[in-house]
Amino acid sequence: MTEKPVSEMSFEEAMRELEAVVDKLERGDVALDASIALYERGAALKKRCEDELKRAEEKVAQITLDTDGNPTGTKPVEGM
């Protein structure tokens, strides 16, 4: 695990660290205080991954295609 702030992590970095956190918590060999800290870090990592996925989905939703299926640009997403 790194000490890098979660807000500065890429999706891939956050996902790797989240997997490591889950592995440690599942083993059950971590002291209670450390487990609580790991759980909090894991919750922040999960939120980061969800936020990055939502951002990517919004970008994909904005892509418009021409009649041949080629990207022509972007359009605003409703509600954005």
C-alpha atoms as a PDB file:
ATOM      1  CA  MET A   1       0.000   0.000   0.000  1.00  0.00           C
ATOM      2  CA  THR A   2       1.066   3.529  -0.644  1.00  0.00           C
ATOM      3  CA  GLU A   3       0.665   6.721   1.267  1.00  0.00           C
ATOM      4  CA  LYS A   4      -0.337   8.541  -1.905  1.00  0.00           C
ATOM      5  CA  PRO A   5      -3.513  10.576  -1.393  1.00  0.00           C
ATOM      6  CA  VAL A   6      -6.498   8.736  -2.828  1.00  0.00           C
ATOM      7  CA  SER A   7      -7.612  11.874  -4.673  1.00  0.00           C
ATOM      8  CA  GLU A   8      -4.378  11.820  -6.710  1.00  0.00           C
ATOM      9  CA  MET A   9      -4.627   8.158  -7.745  1.00  0.00           C
ATOM     10  CA  SER A  10      -5.563   6.911 -11.162  1.00  0.00           C
ATOM     11  CA  PHE A  11      -8.365   4.374 -11.421  1.00  0.00           C
ATOM     12  CA  GLU A  12      -5.820   1.581 -11.848  1.00  0.00           C
ATOM     13  CA  GLU A  13      -3.772   2.623  -8.811  1.00  0.00           C
ATOM     14  CA  ALA A  14      -6.872   2.889  -6.636  1.00  0.00           C
ATOM     15  CA  MET A  15      -8.183  -0.485  -7.812  1.00  0.00           C
ATOM     16  CA  ARG A  16      -4.854  -2.240  -7.095  1.00  0.00           C
ATOM     17  CA  GLU A  17      -4.672  -0.772  -3.622  1.00  0.00           C
ATOM     18  CA  LEU A  18      -8.325  -1.554  -2.937  1.00  0.00           C
ATOM     19  CA  GLU A  19      -7.661  -5.191  -3.834  1.00  0.00           C
ATOM     20  CA  ALA A  20      -4.699  -5.230  -1.422  1.00  0.00           C
ATOM     21  CA  VAL A  21      -6.851  -3.741   1.350  1.00  0.00           C
ATOM     22  CA  VAL A  22      -9.566  -6.338   0.811  1.00  0.00           C
ATOM     23  CA  ASP A  23      -6.985  -9.140   0.870  1.00  0.00           C
ATOM     24  CA  LYS A  24      -5.569  -7.925   4.187  1.00  0.00           C
ATOM     25  CA  LEU A  25      -8.996  -7.552   5.760  1.00  0.00           C
ATOM     26  CA  GLU A  26     -10.105 -10.986   4.541  1.00  0.00           C
ATOM     27  CA  ARG A  27      -7.046 -12.657   6.088  1.00  0.00           C
ATOM     28  CA  GLY A  28      -8.120 -11.326   9.474  1.00  0.00           C
ATOM     29  CA  ASP A  29      -4.588 -11.128  10.851  1.00  0.00           C
ATOM     30  CA  VAL A  30      -4.617  -7.339  11.266  1.00  0.00           C
ATOM     31  CA  ALA A  31      -5.071  -5.651  14.647  1.00  0.00           C
ATOM     32  CA  LEU A  32      -8.415  -3.955  15.273  1.00  0.00           C
ATOM     33  CA  ASP A  33      -7.069  -0.394  14.991  1.00  0.00           C
ATOM     34  CA  ALA A  34      -5.261  -1.253  11.772  1.00  0.00           C
ATOM     35  CA  SER A  35      -8.394  -2.958  10.432  1.00  0.00           C
ATOM     36  CA  ILE A  36     -10.426   0.190  11.037  1.00  0.00           C
ATOM     37  CA  ALA A  37      -7.817   2.316   9.248  1.00  0.00           C
ATOM     38  CA  LEU A  38      -7.700  -0.182   6.365  1.00  0.00           C
ATOM     39  CA  TYR A  39     -11.488  -0.175   6.107  1.00  0.00           C
ATOM     40  CA  GLU A  40     -11.556   3.638   5.977  1.00  0.00           C
ATOM     41  CA  ARG A  41      -8.840   3.672   3.311  1.00  0.00           C
ATOM     42  CA  GLY A  42     -10.739   0.994   1.383  1.00  0.00           C
ATOM     43  CA  ALA A  43     -13.942   3.037   1.486  1.00  0.00           C
ATOM     44  CA  ALA A  44     -12.099   6.065   0.083  1.00  0.00           C
ATOM     45  CA  LEU A  45     -10.489   3.934  -2.628  1.00  0.00           C
ATOM     46  CA  LYS A  46     -13.874   2.437  -3.574  1.00  0.00           C
ATOM     47  CA  LYS A  47     -15.383   5.907  -3.911  1.00  0.00           C
ATOM     48  CA  ARG A  48     -12.446   7.034  -6.065  1.00  0.00           C
ATOM     49  CA  CYS A  49     -12.948   4.070  -8.392  1.00  0.00           C
ATOM     50  CA  GLU A  50     -16.689   4.707  -8.618  1.00  0.00           C
ATOM     51  CA  ASP A  51     -16.127   8.407  -9.354  1.00  0.00           C
ATOM     52  CA  GLU A  52     -13.577   7.637 -12.079  1.00  0.00           C
ATOM     53  CA  LEU A  53     -15.891   5.065 -13.682  1.00  0.00           C
ATOM     54  CA  LYS A  54     -18.775   7.539 -13.673  1.00  0.00           C
ATOM     55  CA  ARG A  55     -16.570  10.194 -15.262  1.00  0.00           C
ATOM     56  CA  ALA A  56     -15.504   7.751 -17.981  1.00  0.00           C
ATOM     57  CA  GLU A  57     -19.100   6.669 -18.618  1.00  0.00           C
ATOM     58  CA  GLU A  58     -20.132  10.313 -19.023  1.00  0.00           C
ATOM     59  CA  LYS A  59     -17.376  10.861 -21.579  1.00  0.00           C
ATOM     60  CA  VAL A  60     -18.445   7.799 -23.543  1.00  0.00           C
ATOM     61  CA  ALA A  61     -22.083   8.906 -23.429  1.00  0.00           C
ATOM     62  CA  GLN A  62     -21.097  12.222 -25.041  1.00  0.00           C
ATOM     63  CA  ILE A  63     -19.538  10.645 -28.133  1.00  0.00           C
ATOM     64  CA  THR A  64     -21.742  10.931 -31.225  1.00  0.00           C
ATOM     65  CA  LEU A  65     -21.451   8.686 -34.263  1.00  0.00           C
ATOM     66  CA  ASP A  66     -22.148   9.345 -37.932  1.00  0.00           C
ATOM     67  CA  THR A  67     -24.217   6.984 -40.096  1.00  0.00           C
ATOM     68  CA  ASP A  68     -21.150   4.785 -40.677  1.00  0.00           C
ATOM     69  CA  GLY A  69     -20.513   4.459 -36.945  1.00  0.00           C
ATOM     70  CA  ASN A  70     -17.499   6.778 -36.896  1.00  0.00           C
ATOM     71  CA  PRO A  71     -17.097   9.237 -34.013  1.00  0.00           C
ATOM     72  CA  THR A  72     -18.025  12.756 -35.124  1.00  0.00           C
ATOM     73  CA  GLY A  73     -17.649  14.666 -31.892  1.00  0.00           C
ATOM     74  CA  THR A  74     -19.353  15.010 -28.591  1.00  0.00           C
ATOM     75  CA  LYS A  75     -22.729  16.205 -27.475  1.00  0.00           C
ATOM     76  CA  PRO A  76     -23.878  17.411 -24.070  1.00  0.00           C
ATOM     77  CA  VAL A  77     -25.216  14.751 -21.744  1.00  0.00           C
ATOM     78  CA  GLU A  78     -28.710  15.504 -20.491  1.00  0.00           C
ATOM     79  CA  GLY A  79     -28.686  16.746 -16.931  1.00  0.00           C
ATOM     80  CA  MET A  80     -25.033  17.769 -17.100  1.00  0.00           C
END
